[in-house]
Amino acid sequence: MALSLLEYGLVNGSAFIVITGEPGTGKTTLLNRLLINLAVNGPSAMLENTHGGLAASCRGSTASFGLVTKGKTKWSSSMSLRDF
């Protein structure tokens, strides 16, 4: 069911999808299956540790896409991610 809901959200243009759950419940497996099912050829990123807050998550996302974060402010990094 979770896979179907994720696919529905992506196909219908959901701006943001959040997956939460206890360790070992299959979140990473679910996302890997989703990427395989959708044959994603474009850029994608998976944030596996969001305990550092929003700023750390933004920097992690930016770095996951290969964008330069070193020496940039939080604002500059977030703008780079937005532009990407």
PDB file of N, CA and C in Angstrom:
ATOM      1  N   MET A   1       0.821  -1.180   0.000  1.00  0.00           N
ATOM      2  CA  MET A   1       0.000   0.000   0.000  1.00  0.00           C
ATOM      3  C   MET A   1       0.878   1.262   0.000  1.00  0.00           C
ATOM      4  N   ALA A   2       1.946   1.239   0.810  1.00  0.00           N
ATOM      5  CA  ALA A   2       2.832   2.400   0.879  1.00  0.00           C
ATOM      6  C   ALA A   2       3.459   2.687  -0.487  1.00  0.00           C
ATOM      7  N   LEU A   3       3.849   1.647  -1.197  1.00  0.00           N
ATOM      8  CA  LEU A   3       4.440   1.828  -2.525  1.00  0.00           C
ATOM      9  C   LEU A   3       3.431   2.463  -3.474  1.00  0.00           C
ATOM     10  N   SER A   4       2.200   2.005  -3.443  1.00  0.00           N
ATOM     11  CA  SER A   4       1.151   2.566  -4.300  1.00  0.00           C
ATOM     12  C   SER A   4       0.914   4.035  -3.984  1.00  0.00           C
ATOM     13  N   LEU A   5       0.899   4.389  -2.706  1.00  0.00           N
ATOM     14  CA  LEU A   5       0.695   5.788  -2.318  1.00  0.00           C
ATOM     15  C   LEU A   5       1.855   6.671  -2.766  1.00  0.00           C
ATOM     16  N   LEU A   6       3.071   6.164  -2.668  1.00  0.00           N
ATOM     17  CA  LEU A   6       4.233   6.932  -3.137  1.00  0.00           C
ATOM     18  C   LEU A   6       4.172   7.145  -4.645  1.00  0.00           C
ATOM     19  N   GLU A   7       3.881   6.081  -5.369  1.00  0.00           N
ATOM     20  CA  GLU A   7       3.778   6.193  -6.827  1.00  0.00           C
ATOM     21  C   GLU A   7       2.681   7.184  -7.214  1.00  0.00           C
ATOM     22  N   TYR A   8       1.556   7.112  -6.547  1.00  0.00           N
ATOM     23  CA  TYR A   8       0.452   8.033  -6.819  1.00  0.00           C
ATOM     24  C   TYR A   8       0.895   9.477  -6.580  1.00  0.00           C
ATOM     25  N   GLY A   9       1.573   9.725  -5.463  1.00  0.00           N
ATOM     26  CA  GLY A   9       2.041  11.065  -5.148  1.00  0.00           C
ATOM     27  C   GLY A   9       2.997  11.609  -6.180  1.00  0.00           C
ATOM     28  N   LEU A  10       3.912  10.765  -6.639  1.00  0.00           N
ATOM     29  CA  LEU A  10       4.885  11.217  -7.627  1.00  0.00           C
ATOM     30  C   LEU A  10       4.247  11.450  -8.993  1.00  0.00           C
ATOM     31  N   VAL A  11       3.427  10.536  -9.413  1.00  0.00           N
ATOM     32  CA  VAL A  11       2.781  10.653 -10.725  1.00  0.00           C
ATOM     33  C   VAL A  11       1.863  11.866 -10.779  1.00  0.00           C
ATOM     34  N   ASN A  12       1.248  12.208  -9.658  1.00  0.00           N
ATOM     35  CA  ASN A  12       0.309  13.326  -9.622  1.00  0.00           C
ATOM     36  C   ASN A  12       0.934  14.631  -9.168  1.00  0.00           C
ATOM     37  N   GLY A  13       2.263  14.679  -9.098  1.00  0.00           N
ATOM     38  CA  GLY A  13       2.955  15.936  -8.859  1.00  0.00           C
ATOM     39  C   GLY A  13       2.960  16.451  -7.436  1.00  0.00           C
ATOM     40  N   SER A  14       2.896  15.564  -6.459  1.00  0.00           N
ATOM     41  CA  SER A  14       2.988  16.028  -5.069  1.00  0.00           C
ATOM     42  C   SER A  14       4.304  16.758  -4.880  1.00  0.00           C
ATOM     43  N   ALA A  15       4.256  17.885  -4.226  1.00  0.00           N
ATOM     44  CA  ALA A  15       5.451  18.693  -4.028  1.00  0.00           C
ATOM     45  C   ALA A  15       6.381  18.087  -2.996  1.00  0.00           C
ATOM     46  N   PHE A  16       5.835  17.366  -2.045  1.00  0.00           N
ATOM     47  CA  PHE A  16       6.648  16.846  -0.945  1.00  0.00           C
ATOM     48  C   PHE A  16       6.025  15.557  -0.435  1.00  0.00           C
ATOM     49  N   ILE A  17       6.836  14.540  -0.250  1.00  0.00           N
ATOM     50  CA  ILE A  17       6.362  13.267   0.277  1.00  0.00           C
ATOM     51  C   ILE A  17       7.276  12.888   1.436  1.00  0.00           C
ATOM     52  N   VAL A  18       6.698  12.546   2.559  1.00  0.00           N
ATOM     53  CA  VAL A  18       7.466  12.173   3.743  1.00  0.00           C
ATOM     54  C   VAL A  18       7.177  10.724   4.100  1.00  0.00           C
ATOM     55  N   ILE A  19       8.250   9.986   4.382  1.00  0.00           N
ATOM     56  CA  ILE A  19       8.113   8.605   4.836  1.00  0.00           C
ATOM     57  C   ILE A  19       8.756   8.520   6.210  1.00  0.00           C
ATOM     58  N   THR A  20       8.003   8.062   7.177  1.00  0.00           N
ATOM     59  CA  THR A  20       8.546   7.919   8.522  1.00  0.00           C
ATOM     60  C   THR A  20       8.253   6.513   9.035  1.00  0.00           C
ATOM     61  N   GLY A  21       9.021   6.096  10.009  1.00  0.00           N
ATOM     62  CA  GLY A  21       8.786   4.798  10.621  1.00  0.00           C
ATOM     63  C   GLY A  21       9.957   4.403  11.496  1.00  0.00           C
ATOM     64  N   GLU A  22       9.734   3.424  12.304  1.00  0.00           N
ATOM     65  CA  GLU A  22      10.769   2.911  13.190  1.00  0.00           C
ATOM     66  C   GLU A  22      11.880   2.270  12.361  1.00  0.00           C
ATOM     67  N   PRO A  23      13.095   2.222  12.921  1.00  0.00           N
ATOM     68  CA  PRO A  23      14.191   1.533  12.226  1.00  0.00           C
ATOM     69  C   PRO A  23      13.807   0.083  11.919  1.00  0.00           C
ATOM     70  N   GLY A  24      14.155  -0.334  10.715  1.00  0.00           N
ATOM     71  CA  GLY A  24      13.909  -1.719  10.327  1.00  0.00           C
ATOM     72  C   GLY A  24      12.535  -2.004   9.763  1.00  0.00           C
ATOM     73  N   THR A  25      11.733  -0.961   9.526  1.00  0.00           N
ATOM     74  CA  THR A  25      10.384  -1.194   9.005  1.00  0.00           C
ATOM     75  C   THR A  25      10.324  -1.225   7.478  1.00  0.00           C
ATOM     76  N   GLY A  26      11.458  -0.964   6.803  1.00  0.00           N
ATOM     77  CA  GLY A  26      11.497  -1.102   5.351  1.00  0.00           C
ATOM     78  C   GLY A  26      11.416   0.181   4.550  1.00  0.00           C
ATOM     79  N   LYS A  27      11.681   1.321   5.163  1.00  0.00           N
ATOM     80  CA  LYS A  27      11.589   2.601   4.446  1.00  0.00           C
ATOM     81  C   LYS A  27      12.589   2.665   3.283  1.00  0.00           C
ATOM     82  N   THR A  28      13.830   2.299   3.538  1.00  0.00           N
ATOM     83  CA  THR A  28      14.849   2.347   2.490  1.00  0.00           C
ATOM     84  C   THR A  28      14.532   1.344   1.387  1.00  0.00           C
ATOM     85  N   THR A  29      14.112   0.149   1.764  1.00  0.00           N
ATOM     86  CA  THR A  29      13.724  -0.869   0.780  1.00  0.00           C
ATOM     87  C   THR A  29      12.573  -0.365  -0.079  1.00  0.00           C
ATOM     88  N   LEU A  30      11.608   0.273   0.548  1.00  0.00           N
ATOM     89  CA  LEU A  30      10.462   0.835  -0.168  1.00  0.00           C
ATOM     90  C   LEU A  30      10.903   1.877  -1.191  1.00  0.00           C
ATOM     91  N   LEU A  31      11.787   2.783  -0.780  1.00  0.00           N
ATOM     92  CA  LEU A  31      12.249   3.827  -1.702  1.00  0.00           C
ATOM     93  C   LEU A  31      13.081   3.257  -2.840  1.00  0.00           C
ATOM     94  N   ASN A  32      13.918   2.274  -2.540  1.00  0.00           N
ATOM     95  CA  ASN A  32      14.699   1.640  -3.611  1.00  0.00           C
ATOM     96  C   ASN A  32      13.783   0.952  -4.617  1.00  0.00           C
ATOM     97  N   ARG A  33      12.731   0.291  -4.140  1.00  0.00           N
ATOM     98  CA  ARG A  33      11.763  -0.352  -5.033  1.00  0.00           C
ATOM     99  C   ARG A  33      11.038   0.692  -5.875  1.00  0.00           C
ATOM    100  N   LEU A  34      10.688   1.806  -5.265  1.00  0.00           N
ATOM    101  CA  LEU A  34      10.018   2.887  -5.993  1.00  0.00           C
ATOM    102  C   LEU A  34      10.894   3.387  -7.130  1.00  0.00           C
ATOM    103  N   LEU A  35      12.169   3.617  -6.867  1.00  0.00           N
ATOM    104  CA  LEU A  35      13.076   4.098  -7.905  1.00  0.00           C
ATOM    105  C   LEU A  35      13.205   3.092  -9.038  1.00  0.00           C
ATOM    106  N   ILE A  36      13.225   1.808  -8.711  1.00  0.00           N
ATOM    107  CA  ILE A  36      13.293   0.764  -9.738  1.00  0.00           C
ATOM    108  C   ILE A  36      12.004   0.735 -10.552  1.00  0.00           C
ATOM    109  N   ASN A  37      10.857   0.754  -9.874  1.00  0.00           N
ATOM    110  CA  ASN A  37       9.561   0.688 -10.560  1.00  0.00           C
ATOM    111  C   ASN A  37       9.350   1.869 -11.499  1.00  0.00           C
ATOM    112  N   LEU A  38       9.775   3.036 -11.094  1.00  0.00           N
ATOM    113  CA  LEU A  38       9.558   4.224 -11.908  1.00  0.00           C
ATOM    114  C   LEU A  38      10.656   4.438 -12.942  1.00  0.00           C
ATOM    115  N   ALA A  39      11.697   3.610 -12.897  1.00  0.00           N
ATOM    116  CA  ALA A  39      12.834   3.741 -13.817  1.00  0.00           C
ATOM    117  C   ALA A  39      13.305   5.189 -13.861  1.00  0.00           C
ATOM    118  N   VAL A  40      13.602   5.721 -12.694  1.00  0.00           N
ATOM    119  CA  VAL A  40      14.020   7.114 -12.572  1.00  0.00           C
ATOM    120  C   VAL A  40      15.365   7.309 -13.251  1.00  0.00           C
ATOM    121  N   ASN A  41      15.384   8.148 -14.260  1.00  0.00           N
ATOM    122  CA  ASN A  41      16.624   8.447 -14.967  1.00  0.00           C
ATOM    123  C   ASN A  41      17.183   9.804 -14.580  1.00  0.00           C
ATOM    124  N   GLY A  42      16.371  10.626 -13.974  1.00  0.00           N
ATOM    125  CA  GLY A  42      16.801  11.958 -13.566  1.00  0.00           C
ATOM    126  C   GLY A  42      17.399  11.923 -12.170  1.00  0.00           C
ATOM    127  N   PRO A  43      17.780  13.070 -11.692  1.00  0.00           N
ATOM    128  CA  PRO A  43      18.398  13.139 -10.363  1.00  0.00           C
ATOM    129  C   PRO A  43      17.406  12.791  -9.252  1.00  0.00           C
ATOM    130  N   SER A  44      17.899  12.066  -8.277  1.00  0.00           N
ATOM    131  CA  SER A  44      17.103  11.765  -7.094  1.00  0.00           C
ATOM    132  C   SER A  44      18.040  11.707  -5.897  1.00  0.00           C
ATOM    133  N   ALA A  45      17.493  11.951  -4.732  1.00  0.00           N
ATOM    134  CA  ALA A  45      18.287  11.910  -3.508  1.00  0.00           C
ATOM    135  C   ALA A  45      17.435  11.341  -2.392  1.00  0.00           C
ATOM    136  N   MET A  46      18.096  10.674  -1.459  1.00  0.00           N
ATOM    137  CA  MET A  46      17.415  10.113  -0.313  1.00  0.00           C
ATOM    138  C   MET A  46      18.111  10.619   0.945  1.00  0.00           C
ATOM    139  N   LEU A  47      17.382  11.327   1.784  1.00  0.00           N
ATOM    140  CA  LEU A  47      17.935  11.793   3.053  1.00  0.00           C
ATOM    141  C   LEU A  47      17.695  10.721   4.092  1.00  0.00           C
ATOM    142  N   GLU A  48      18.774  10.140   4.575  1.00  0.00           N
ATOM    143  CA  GLU A  48      18.641   9.025   5.503  1.00  0.00           C
ATOM    144  C   GLU A  48      18.786   9.434   6.961  1.00  0.00           C
ATOM    145  N   ASN A  49      19.254  10.632   7.220  1.00  0.00           N
ATOM    146  CA  ASN A  49      19.404  11.072   8.599  1.00  0.00           C
ATOM    147  C   ASN A  49      19.059  12.556   8.667  1.00  0.00           C
ATOM    148  N   THR A  50      17.910  12.853   9.224  1.00  0.00           N
ATOM    149  CA  THR A  50      17.450  14.237   9.279  1.00  0.00           C
ATOM    150  C   THR A  50      17.473  14.791  10.696  1.00  0.00           C
ATOM    151  N   HIS A  51      18.273  14.186  11.548  1.00  0.00           N
ATOM    152  CA  HIS A  51      18.319  14.613  12.942  1.00  0.00           C
ATOM    153  C   HIS A  51      19.070  15.918  13.137  1.00  0.00           C
ATOM    154  N   GLY A  52      19.749  16.425  12.116  1.00  0.00           N
ATOM    155  CA  GLY A  52      20.514  17.657  12.241  1.00  0.00           C
ATOM    156  C   GLY A  52      19.686  18.914  12.018  1.00  0.00           C
ATOM    157  N   GLY A  53      18.405  18.768  11.782  1.00  0.00           N
ATOM    158  CA  GLY A  53      17.546  19.919  11.563  1.00  0.00           C
ATOM    159  C   GLY A  53      17.404  20.258  10.088  1.00  0.00           C
ATOM    160  N   LEU A  54      16.630  21.291   9.839  1.00  0.00           N
ATOM    161  CA  LEU A  54      16.325  21.688   8.469  1.00  0.00           C
ATOM    162  C   LEU A  54      17.559  22.151   7.702  1.00  0.00           C
ATOM    163  N   ALA A  55      18.423  22.918   8.345  1.00  0.00           N
ATOM    164  CA  ALA A  55      19.618  23.417   7.655  1.00  0.00           C
ATOM    165  C   ALA A  55      20.523  22.268   7.231  1.00  0.00           C
ATOM    166  N   ALA A  56      20.721  21.295   8.108  1.00  0.00           N
ATOM    167  CA  ALA A  56      21.560  20.145   7.763  1.00  0.00           C
ATOM    168  C   ALA A  56      20.917  19.318   6.656  1.00  0.00           C
ATOM    169  N   SER A  57      19.602  19.183   6.699  1.00  0.00           N
ATOM    170  CA  SER A  57      18.900  18.440   5.649  1.00  0.00           C
ATOM    171  C   SER A  57      19.042  19.134   4.305  1.00  0.00           C
ATOM    172  N   CYS A  58      18.967  20.449   4.306  1.00  0.00           N
ATOM    173  CA  CYS A  58      19.134  21.220   3.080  1.00  0.00           C
ATOM    174  C   CYS A  58      20.545  21.035   2.521  1.00  0.00           C
ATOM    175  N   ARG A  59      21.548  21.126   3.396  1.00  0.00           N
ATOM    176  CA  ARG A  59      22.925  20.922   2.940  1.00  0.00           C
ATOM    177  C   ARG A  59      23.121  19.498   2.428  1.00  0.00           C
ATOM    178  N   GLY A  60      22.517  18.532   3.108  1.00  0.00           N
ATOM    179  CA  GLY A  60      22.611  17.141   2.666  1.00  0.00           C
ATOM    180  C   GLY A  60      21.976  16.938   1.309  1.00  0.00           C
ATOM    181  N   SER A  61      20.808  17.552   1.106  1.00  0.00           N
ATOM    182  CA  SER A  61      20.131  17.454  -0.190  1.00  0.00           C
ATOM    183  C   SER A  61      20.974  18.085  -1.287  1.00  0.00           C
ATOM    184  N   THR A  62      21.500  19.256  -1.005  1.00  0.00           N
ATOM    185  CA  THR A  62      22.312  19.974  -1.981  1.00  0.00           C
ATOM    186  C   THR A  62      23.533  19.145  -2.368  1.00  0.00           C
ATOM    187  N   ALA A  63      24.204  18.579  -1.370  1.00  0.00           N
ATOM    188  CA  ALA A  63      25.387  17.754  -1.632  1.00  0.00           C
ATOM    189  C   ALA A  63      25.016  16.474  -2.379  1.00  0.00           C
ATOM    190  N   SER A  64      23.841  15.896  -2.084  1.00  0.00           N
ATOM    191  CA  SER A  64      23.408  14.669  -2.758  1.00  0.00           C
ATOM    192  C   SER A  64      23.268  14.856  -4.259  1.00  0.00           C
ATOM    193  N   PHE A  65      22.930  16.057  -4.667  1.00  0.00           N
ATOM    194  CA  PHE A  65      22.793  16.354  -6.091  1.00  0.00           C
ATOM    195  C   PHE A  65      24.090  16.848  -6.706  1.00  0.00           C
ATOM    196  N   GLY A  66      25.177  16.816  -5.935  1.00  0.00           N
ATOM    197  CA  GLY A  66      26.481  17.209  -6.465  1.00  0.00           C
ATOM    198  C   GLY A  66      26.692  18.706  -6.529  1.00  0.00           C
ATOM    199  N   LEU A  67      25.860  19.470  -5.847  1.00  0.00           N
ATOM    200  CA  LEU A  67      26.022  20.915  -5.841  1.00  0.00           C
ATOM    201  C   LEU A  67      27.040  21.302  -4.765  1.00  0.00           C
ATOM    202  N   VAL A  68      27.797  22.328  -5.001  1.00  0.00           N
ATOM    203  CA  VAL A  68      28.830  22.762  -4.070  1.00  0.00           C
ATOM    204  C   VAL A  68      28.196  23.414  -2.844  1.00  0.00           C
ATOM    205  N   THR A  69      28.597  22.951  -1.659  1.00  0.00           N
ATOM    206  CA  THR A  69      28.086  23.533  -0.419  1.00  0.00           C
ATOM    207  C   THR A  69      29.210  24.130   0.427  1.00  0.00           C
ATOM    208  N   LYS A  70      30.426  23.708   0.169  1.00  0.00           N
ATOM    209  CA  LYS A  70      31.547  24.162   0.997  1.00  0.00           C
ATOM    210  C   LYS A  70      31.711  25.679   0.877  1.00  0.00           C
ATOM    211  N   GLY A  71      31.761  26.346   2.030  1.00  0.00           N
ATOM    212  CA  GLY A  71      31.950  27.779   2.074  1.00  0.00           C
ATOM    213  C   GLY A  71      30.696  28.598   1.822  1.00  0.00           C
ATOM    214  N   LYS A  72      29.571  27.929   1.591  1.00  0.00           N
ATOM    215  CA  LYS A  72      28.326  28.650   1.342  1.00  0.00           C
ATOM    216  C   LYS A  72      27.537  28.805   2.632  1.00  0.00           C
ATOM    217  N   THR A  73      26.775  29.869   2.706  1.00  0.00           N
ATOM    218  CA  THR A  73      25.881  30.075   3.847  1.00  0.00           C
ATOM    219  C   THR A  73      24.677  29.146   3.704  1.00  0.00           C
ATOM    220  N   LYS A  74      23.912  29.012   4.772  1.00  0.00           N
ATOM    221  CA  LYS A  74      22.690  28.205   4.720  1.00  0.00           C
ATOM    222  C   LYS A  74      21.752  28.736   3.637  1.00  0.00           C
ATOM    223  N   TRP A  75      21.634  30.054   3.601  1.00  0.00           N
ATOM    224  CA  TRP A  75      20.750  30.682   2.609  1.00  0.00           C
ATOM    225  C   TRP A  75      21.232  30.396   1.192  1.00  0.00           C
ATOM    226  N   SER A  76      22.501  30.559   0.953  1.00  0.00           N
ATOM    227  CA  SER A  76      23.053  30.336  -0.375  1.00  0.00           C
ATOM    228  C   SER A  76      22.886  28.877  -0.802  1.00  0.00           C
ATOM    229  N   SER A  77      23.112  27.965   0.143  1.00  0.00           N
ATOM    230  CA  SER A  77      22.916  26.543  -0.168  1.00  0.00           C
ATOM    231  C   SER A  77      21.455  26.234  -0.509  1.00  0.00           C
ATOM    232  N   SER A  78      20.538  26.820   0.249  1.00  0.00           N
ATOM    233  CA  SER A  78      19.125  26.570  -0.015  1.00  0.00           C
ATOM    234  C   SER A  78      18.704  27.147  -1.381  1.00  0.00           C
ATOM    235  N   MET A  79      19.274  28.279  -1.742  1.00  0.00           N
ATOM    236  CA  MET A  79      18.966  28.876  -3.046  1.00  0.00           C
ATOM    237  C   MET A  79      19.545  28.028  -4.182  1.00  0.00           C
ATOM    238  N   SER A  80      20.712  27.446  -3.960  1.00  0.00           N
ATOM    239  CA  SER A  80      21.291  26.552  -4.970  1.00  0.00           C
ATOM    240  C   SER A  80      20.396  25.337  -5.183  1.00  0.00           C
ATOM    241  N   LEU A  81      19.884  24.788  -4.097  1.00  0.00           N
ATOM    242  CA  LEU A  81      18.985  23.643  -4.192  1.00  0.00           C
ATOM    243  C   LEU A  81      17.698  24.035  -4.897  1.00  0.00           C
ATOM    244  N   ARG A  82      17.144  25.178  -4.538  1.00  0.00           N
ATOM    245  CA  ARG A  82      15.915  25.642  -5.180  1.00  0.00           C
ATOM    246  C   ARG A  82      16.116  25.829  -6.686  1.00  0.00           C
ATOM    247  N   ASP A  83      17.215  26.457  -7.062  1.00  0.00           N
ATOM    248  CA  ASP A  83      17.489  26.688  -8.475  1.00  0.00           C
ATOM    249  C   ASP A  83      17.710  25.391  -9.245  1.00  0.00           C
ATOM    250  N   PHE A  84      18.322  24.407  -8.574  1.00  0.00           N
ATOM    251  CA  PHE A  84      18.555  23.129  -9.196  1.00  0.00           C
ATOM    252  C   PHE A  84      17.236  22.449  -9.533  1.00  0.00           C
TER     253      PHE A  84
END
